[in-house]
Amino acid sequence: MKEGAHTSWISINQSGMSLYDVIKDGNLREANLPKSSWMSLLANSSLETDCILEGFNVDTKRYPRAARARIGIIGFQKDCSFPSRSRIGYGTSGDHYGMKDSNSCGNEDGNKSISIKAFGYVLVQ
């Protein structure tokens, strides 16, 4: 992920014939990365941490305007039964709690009014 002149990388080990095969059904696939790995992608990133979901197709599906990510992490203020209000990742969306739906790559934390737009690189081997 690139913000300004700084680029950061994380590695996710996920089996599949292609990235499309991993994401096509829309089901959550955990990447089993710690929150700190996702946070390391962007300096000064912010994430609600009472409950987190991370990996591929991260979406609670109960709240259409809540945070979601094709590849990334979403955070909840209380527990995972409430709408998610923060995200870091690639292919992100959601405008609940003041997040910017137009930020499709980067960090949004509606609770803290943080919006960091980034350029995303996804390399597949």
N, C-alpha and C. Protein backbone atom coordinates (compact mmCIF):
# COMPACT_ATOMS: atom_id res chain seq x y z
N MET A 1 0.86 -1.16 0.00
CA MET A 1 0.00 0.00 0.00
C MET A 1 0.91 1.23 0.00
N LYS A 2 0.58 2.19 -0.85
CA LYS A 2 1.42 3.37 -0.99
C LYS A 2 0.64 4.63 -0.62
N GLU A 3 1.22 5.39 0.31
CA GLU A 3 0.68 6.69 0.68
C GLU A 3 1.82 7.69 0.56
N GLY A 4 1.66 8.67 -0.31
CA GLY A 4 2.75 9.62 -0.55
C GLY A 4 3.93 8.88 -1.15
N ALA A 5 5.12 9.07 -0.56
CA ALA A 5 6.33 8.42 -1.06
C ALA A 5 6.63 7.11 -0.34
N HIS A 6 5.80 6.74 0.64
CA HIS A 6 6.06 5.55 1.46
C HIS A 6 5.21 4.37 1.00
N THR A 7 5.87 3.22 0.76
CA THR A 7 5.17 2.00 0.38
C THR A 7 5.43 0.93 1.43
N SER A 8 4.37 0.26 1.87
CA SER A 8 4.47 -0.83 2.85
C SER A 8 3.85 -2.09 2.27
N TRP A 9 4.37 -3.24 2.71
CA TRP A 9 3.91 -4.52 2.19
C TRP A 9 3.58 -5.46 3.34
N ILE A 10 2.62 -6.34 3.11
CA ILE A 10 2.40 -7.49 3.98
C ILE A 10 2.24 -8.71 3.07
N SER A 11 2.49 -9.88 3.61
CA SER A 11 2.37 -11.11 2.85
C SER A 11 1.23 -11.96 3.44
N ILE A 12 0.36 -12.44 2.57
CA ILE A 12 -0.76 -13.29 2.98
C ILE A 12 -0.62 -14.63 2.27
N ASN A 13 -0.56 -15.70 3.02
CA ASN A 13 -0.52 -17.04 2.43
C ASN A 13 -1.94 -17.57 2.33
N GLN A 14 -2.43 -17.71 1.10
CA GLN A 14 -3.80 -18.20 0.87
C GLN A 14 -3.77 -19.11 -0.34
N SER A 15 -4.26 -20.32 -0.21
CA SER A 15 -4.24 -21.24 -1.34
C SER A 15 -5.46 -21.01 -2.24
N GLY A 16 -5.26 -21.28 -3.52
CA GLY A 16 -6.32 -21.13 -4.51
C GLY A 16 -5.71 -21.14 -5.89
N MET A 17 -6.51 -21.45 -6.89
CA MET A 17 -6.01 -21.46 -8.27
C MET A 17 -5.71 -20.05 -8.76
N SER A 18 -6.45 -19.07 -8.23
CA SER A 18 -6.26 -17.67 -8.60
C SER A 18 -6.84 -16.80 -7.50
N LEU A 19 -6.53 -15.52 -7.53
CA LEU A 19 -7.14 -14.60 -6.57
C LEU A 19 -8.65 -14.56 -6.78
N TYR A 20 -9.08 -14.63 -8.01
CA TYR A 20 -10.52 -14.65 -8.30
C TYR A 20 -11.20 -15.83 -7.61
N ASP A 21 -10.57 -17.00 -7.63
CA ASP A 21 -11.14 -18.17 -6.96
C ASP A 21 -11.28 -17.95 -5.46
N VAL A 22 -10.39 -17.18 -4.88
CA VAL A 22 -10.44 -16.91 -3.44
C VAL A 22 -11.60 -15.98 -3.10
N ILE A 23 -11.90 -15.01 -3.97
CA ILE A 23 -12.89 -13.99 -3.61
C ILE A 23 -14.25 -14.14 -4.30
N LYS A 24 -14.36 -14.98 -5.33
CA LYS A 24 -15.56 -14.99 -6.18
C LYS A 24 -16.86 -15.31 -5.46
N ASP A 25 -16.85 -16.16 -4.44
CA ASP A 25 -18.11 -16.53 -3.79
C ASP A 25 -18.56 -15.54 -2.72
N GLY A 26 -17.70 -14.57 -2.39
CA GLY A 26 -18.06 -13.55 -1.41
C GLY A 26 -17.99 -13.99 0.03
N ASN A 27 -17.57 -15.23 0.29
CA ASN A 27 -17.47 -15.72 1.66
C ASN A 27 -16.18 -15.26 2.33
N LEU A 28 -16.26 -14.99 3.61
CA LEU A 28 -15.09 -14.58 4.38
C LEU A 28 -14.06 -15.70 4.40
N ARG A 29 -12.82 -15.33 4.11
CA ARG A 29 -11.68 -16.23 4.27
C ARG A 29 -10.64 -15.49 5.10
N GLU A 30 -10.43 -15.96 6.30
CA GLU A 30 -9.50 -15.28 7.20
C GLU A 30 -8.07 -15.42 6.69
N ALA A 31 -7.30 -14.35 6.84
CA ALA A 31 -5.89 -14.36 6.46
C ALA A 31 -5.01 -14.73 7.65
N ASN A 32 -5.58 -14.71 8.84
CA ASN A 32 -4.86 -15.04 10.08
C ASN A 32 -3.65 -14.14 10.30
N LEU A 33 -3.82 -12.86 10.00
CA LEU A 33 -2.79 -11.87 10.28
C LEU A 33 -3.20 -11.08 11.52
N PRO A 34 -2.23 -10.70 12.34
CA PRO A 34 -2.57 -9.87 13.49
C PRO A 34 -2.95 -8.46 13.06
N LYS A 35 -3.69 -7.79 13.90
CA LYS A 35 -4.10 -6.41 13.63
C LYS A 35 -2.89 -5.53 13.33
N SER A 36 -1.78 -5.78 14.01
CA SER A 36 -0.58 -4.96 13.82
C SER A 36 -0.04 -5.04 12.39
N SER A 37 -0.20 -6.18 11.72
CA SER A 37 0.25 -6.29 10.32
C SER A 37 -0.56 -5.37 9.42
N TRP A 38 -1.88 -5.37 9.58
CA TRP A 38 -2.72 -4.49 8.77
C TRP A 38 -2.43 -3.03 9.09
N MET A 39 -2.25 -2.70 10.36
CA MET A 39 -1.97 -1.32 10.78
C MET A 39 -0.63 -0.84 10.22
N SER A 40 0.31 -1.75 10.00
CA SER A 40 1.64 -1.37 9.51
C SER A 40 1.61 -0.88 8.06
N LEU A 41 0.51 -1.11 7.35
CA LEU A 41 0.43 -0.68 5.95
C LEU A 41 0.42 0.84 5.80
N LEU A 42 -0.11 1.55 6.79
CA LEU A 42 -0.22 3.01 6.71
C LEU A 42 0.20 3.65 8.02
N ALA A 43 1.07 4.65 7.94
CA ALA A 43 1.44 5.41 9.13
C ALA A 43 0.21 6.15 9.65
N ASN A 44 0.08 6.24 10.94
CA ASN A 44 -1.02 6.96 11.60
C ASN A 44 -2.39 6.36 11.30
N SER A 45 -2.44 5.06 10.98
CA SER A 45 -3.73 4.42 10.74
C SER A 45 -4.46 4.21 12.05
N SER A 46 -5.77 4.04 11.95
CA SER A 46 -6.62 3.91 13.13
C SER A 46 -7.67 2.84 12.87
N LEU A 47 -7.99 2.08 13.91
CA LEU A 47 -8.95 0.99 13.77
C LEU A 47 -9.63 0.74 15.10
N GLU A 48 -10.95 0.62 15.08
CA GLU A 48 -11.66 0.19 16.28
C GLU A 48 -11.21 -1.24 16.59
N THR A 49 -11.00 -1.56 17.86
CA THR A 49 -10.37 -2.85 18.16
C THR A 49 -11.15 -3.74 19.13
N ASP A 50 -12.37 -3.37 19.49
CA ASP A 50 -13.11 -4.24 20.40
C ASP A 50 -13.44 -5.59 19.75
N CYS A 51 -13.65 -5.58 18.45
CA CYS A 51 -13.86 -6.80 17.68
C CYS A 51 -13.35 -6.53 16.28
N ILE A 52 -12.61 -7.46 15.69
CA ILE A 52 -12.11 -7.27 14.33
C ILE A 52 -12.40 -8.53 13.50
N LEU A 53 -12.58 -8.31 12.21
CA LEU A 53 -12.64 -9.38 11.22
C LEU A 53 -11.63 -9.02 10.15
N GLU A 54 -10.89 -10.01 9.64
CA GLU A 54 -9.88 -9.71 8.63
C GLU A 54 -9.74 -10.84 7.64
N GLY A 55 -9.17 -10.51 6.48
CA GLY A 55 -8.93 -11.49 5.44
C GLY A 55 -9.50 -11.05 4.10
N PHE A 56 -10.15 -11.98 3.42
CA PHE A 56 -10.76 -11.74 2.11
C PHE A 56 -12.28 -11.70 2.26
N ASN A 57 -12.95 -10.80 1.56
CA ASN A 57 -14.41 -10.65 1.62
C ASN A 57 -14.88 -10.36 3.04
N VAL A 58 -14.30 -9.36 3.64
CA VAL A 58 -14.61 -9.01 5.03
C VAL A 58 -15.85 -8.11 5.03
N ASP A 59 -16.96 -8.66 5.47
CA ASP A 59 -18.24 -7.94 5.41
C ASP A 59 -19.21 -8.63 6.36
N THR A 60 -19.85 -7.88 7.23
CA THR A 60 -20.83 -8.48 8.13
C THR A 60 -22.14 -8.79 7.42
N LYS A 61 -22.40 -8.18 6.30
CA LYS A 61 -23.59 -8.37 5.46
C LYS A 61 -24.89 -7.95 6.14
N ARG A 62 -24.88 -7.66 7.42
CA ARG A 62 -26.10 -7.24 8.12
C ARG A 62 -26.37 -5.75 7.94
N TYR A 63 -25.32 -4.97 7.73
CA TYR A 63 -25.44 -3.51 7.64
C TYR A 63 -24.83 -3.05 6.33
N PRO A 64 -25.64 -2.74 5.31
CA PRO A 64 -25.10 -2.41 3.99
C PRO A 64 -24.18 -1.19 3.95
N ARG A 65 -24.31 -0.26 4.90
CA ARG A 65 -23.48 0.95 4.87
C ARG A 65 -22.25 0.83 5.78
N ALA A 66 -22.09 -0.29 6.46
CA ALA A 66 -20.96 -0.47 7.37
C ALA A 66 -19.68 -0.74 6.58
N ALA A 67 -18.54 -0.69 7.27
CA ALA A 67 -17.25 -0.93 6.63
C ALA A 67 -17.17 -2.36 6.09
N ARG A 68 -16.54 -2.48 4.93
CA ARG A 68 -16.25 -3.79 4.36
C ARG A 68 -14.99 -3.68 3.51
N ALA A 69 -14.37 -4.82 3.24
CA ALA A 69 -13.13 -4.84 2.48
C ALA A 69 -13.03 -6.12 1.67
N ARG A 70 -12.63 -6.01 0.44
CA ARG A 70 -12.37 -7.20 -0.36
C ARG A 70 -11.13 -7.92 0.20
N ILE A 71 -10.10 -7.14 0.51
CA ILE A 71 -8.92 -7.68 1.19
C ILE A 71 -8.60 -6.68 2.30
N GLY A 72 -8.68 -7.10 3.55
CA GLY A 72 -8.37 -6.15 4.62
C GLY A 72 -8.92 -6.55 5.96
N ILE A 73 -9.13 -5.52 6.78
CA ILE A 73 -9.58 -5.70 8.16
C ILE A 73 -10.64 -4.64 8.46
N ILE A 74 -11.68 -5.04 9.20
CA ILE A 74 -12.68 -4.08 9.66
C ILE A 74 -12.77 -4.16 11.18
N GLY A 75 -13.05 -3.01 11.80
CA GLY A 75 -13.10 -2.95 13.25
C GLY A 75 -14.44 -2.47 13.76
N PHE A 76 -14.79 -2.95 14.93
CA PHE A 76 -16.06 -2.64 15.57
C PHE A 76 -15.80 -1.97 16.91
N GLN A 77 -16.67 -1.04 17.30
CA GLN A 77 -16.48 -0.35 18.57
C GLN A 77 -16.85 -1.24 19.75
N LYS A 78 -17.90 -2.01 19.65
CA LYS A 78 -18.33 -2.83 20.78
C LYS A 78 -18.07 -4.30 20.51
N ASP A 79 -18.93 -4.92 19.76
CA ASP A 79 -18.70 -6.31 19.38
C ASP A 79 -19.14 -6.49 17.93
N CYS A 80 -18.92 -7.66 17.40
CA CYS A 80 -19.14 -7.89 15.97
C CYS A 80 -20.61 -7.91 15.56
N SER A 81 -21.52 -7.76 16.51
CA SER A 81 -22.94 -7.71 16.14
C SER A 81 -23.40 -6.29 15.81
N PHE A 82 -22.56 -5.31 16.07
CA PHE A 82 -22.86 -3.91 15.74
C PHE A 82 -22.28 -3.58 14.37
N PRO A 83 -22.70 -2.47 13.73
CA PRO A 83 -22.10 -2.09 12.44
C PRO A 83 -20.61 -1.77 12.60
N SER A 84 -19.81 -2.26 11.66
CA SER A 84 -18.38 -1.93 11.67
C SER A 84 -18.21 -0.47 11.28
N ARG A 85 -17.27 0.19 11.95
CA ARG A 85 -17.10 1.63 11.71
C ARG A 85 -15.67 2.02 11.35
N SER A 86 -14.82 1.05 11.05
CA SER A 86 -13.46 1.38 10.61
C SER A 86 -12.94 0.25 9.72
N ARG A 87 -11.96 0.61 8.87
CA ARG A 87 -11.42 -0.37 7.93
C ARG A 87 -10.04 0.04 7.45
N ILE A 88 -9.26 -0.97 7.08
CA ILE A 88 -7.99 -0.80 6.39
C ILE A 88 -7.96 -1.88 5.32
N GLY A 89 -7.69 -1.50 4.08
CA GLY A 89 -7.61 -2.55 3.08
C GLY A 89 -7.75 -2.09 1.65
N TYR A 90 -7.99 -3.08 0.81
CA TYR A 90 -8.10 -2.93 -0.64
C TYR A 90 -9.52 -3.28 -1.05
N GLY A 91 -10.10 -2.50 -1.93
CA GLY A 91 -11.48 -2.75 -2.34
C GLY A 91 -12.44 -2.51 -1.19
N THR A 92 -12.26 -1.39 -0.52
CA THR A 92 -13.06 -1.08 0.67
C THR A 92 -14.22 -0.15 0.34
N SER A 93 -15.22 -0.19 1.20
CA SER A 93 -16.36 0.72 1.05
C SER A 93 -17.11 0.80 2.37
N GLY A 94 -18.11 1.67 2.38
CA GLY A 94 -18.95 1.88 3.56
C GLY A 94 -18.91 3.33 3.97
N ASP A 95 -20.10 3.89 4.31
CA ASP A 95 -20.15 5.30 4.70
C ASP A 95 -20.81 5.51 6.06
N HIS A 96 -20.99 4.44 6.81
CA HIS A 96 -21.59 4.54 8.14
C HIS A 96 -20.65 5.29 9.08
N TYR A 97 -21.18 6.04 10.01
CA TYR A 97 -20.40 6.78 11.02
C TYR A 97 -19.43 7.78 10.40
N GLY A 98 -19.73 8.30 9.22
CA GLY A 98 -18.91 9.34 8.63
C GLY A 98 -17.74 8.86 7.80
N MET A 99 -17.62 7.55 7.57
CA MET A 99 -16.56 7.06 6.70
C MET A 99 -16.83 7.53 5.27
N LYS A 100 -15.77 7.66 4.48
CA LYS A 100 -15.91 8.06 3.08
C LYS A 100 -16.01 6.81 2.21
N ASP A 101 -17.16 6.61 1.60
CA ASP A 101 -17.37 5.45 0.74
C ASP A 101 -16.46 5.48 -0.48
N SER A 102 -16.03 6.67 -0.90
CA SER A 102 -15.18 6.81 -2.08
C SER A 102 -13.75 6.34 -1.84
N ASN A 103 -13.36 6.10 -0.61
CA ASN A 103 -12.01 5.64 -0.30
C ASN A 103 -11.96 4.12 -0.46
N SER A 104 -11.52 3.67 -1.62
CA SER A 104 -11.53 2.23 -1.91
C SER A 104 -10.23 1.53 -1.54
N CYS A 105 -9.22 2.28 -1.15
CA CYS A 105 -7.96 1.68 -0.71
C CYS A 105 -7.34 2.60 0.33
N GLY A 106 -7.15 2.08 1.52
CA GLY A 106 -6.57 2.90 2.58
C GLY A 106 -7.23 2.63 3.91
N ASN A 107 -7.43 3.69 4.69
CA ASN A 107 -7.95 3.59 6.06
C ASN A 107 -9.08 4.58 6.27
N GLU A 108 -10.15 4.12 6.87
CA GLU A 108 -11.26 4.96 7.31
C GLU A 108 -11.60 4.57 8.74
N ASP A 109 -11.69 5.55 9.60
CA ASP A 109 -12.19 5.32 10.96
C ASP A 109 -13.20 6.41 11.24
N GLY A 110 -14.46 6.09 11.04
CA GLY A 110 -15.53 7.07 11.20
C GLY A 110 -15.65 7.61 12.61
N ASN A 111 -15.27 6.82 13.60
CA ASN A 111 -15.36 7.25 14.99
C ASN A 111 -14.35 8.34 15.30
N LYS A 112 -13.20 8.31 14.63
CA LYS A 112 -12.14 9.29 14.89
C LYS A 112 -11.93 10.26 13.73
N SER A 113 -12.82 10.25 12.76
CA SER A 113 -12.74 11.13 11.58
C SER A 113 -11.40 11.02 10.87
N ILE A 114 -10.89 9.80 10.74
CA ILE A 114 -9.62 9.57 10.05
C ILE A 114 -9.92 8.99 8.67
N SER A 115 -9.29 9.59 7.66
CA SER A 115 -9.43 9.13 6.28
C SER A 115 -8.07 9.22 5.61
N ILE A 116 -7.49 8.07 5.28
CA ILE A 116 -6.20 8.03 4.61
C ILE A 116 -6.39 7.27 3.30
N LYS A 117 -6.25 7.98 2.19
CA LYS A 117 -6.36 7.34 0.88
C LYS A 117 -4.98 6.87 0.45
N ALA A 118 -4.94 5.69 -0.18
CA ALA A 118 -3.67 5.11 -0.59
C ALA A 118 -3.82 4.49 -1.97
N PHE A 119 -2.69 4.12 -2.55
CA PHE A 119 -2.66 3.38 -3.80
C PHE A 119 -2.35 1.94 -3.44
N GLY A 120 -3.10 1.00 -3.98
CA GLY A 120 -2.92 -0.40 -3.60
C GLY A 120 -2.21 -1.23 -4.64
N TYR A 121 -1.28 -2.04 -4.16
CA TYR A 121 -0.62 -3.05 -4.98
C TYR A 121 -1.02 -4.41 -4.45
N VAL A 122 -1.47 -5.30 -5.32
CA VAL A 122 -1.75 -6.68 -4.93
C VAL A 122 -0.97 -7.55 -5.90
N LEU A 123 0.02 -8.26 -5.39
CA LEU A 123 0.84 -9.15 -6.20
C LEU A 123 0.45 -10.58 -5.87
N VAL A 124 0.21 -11.39 -6.89
CA VAL A 124 -0.25 -12.76 -6.69
C VAL A 124 0.76 -13.71 -7.31
N GLN A 125 1.10 -14.75 -6.57
CA GLN A 125 2.05 -15.75 -7.08
C GLN A 125 1.39 -17.10 -7.13
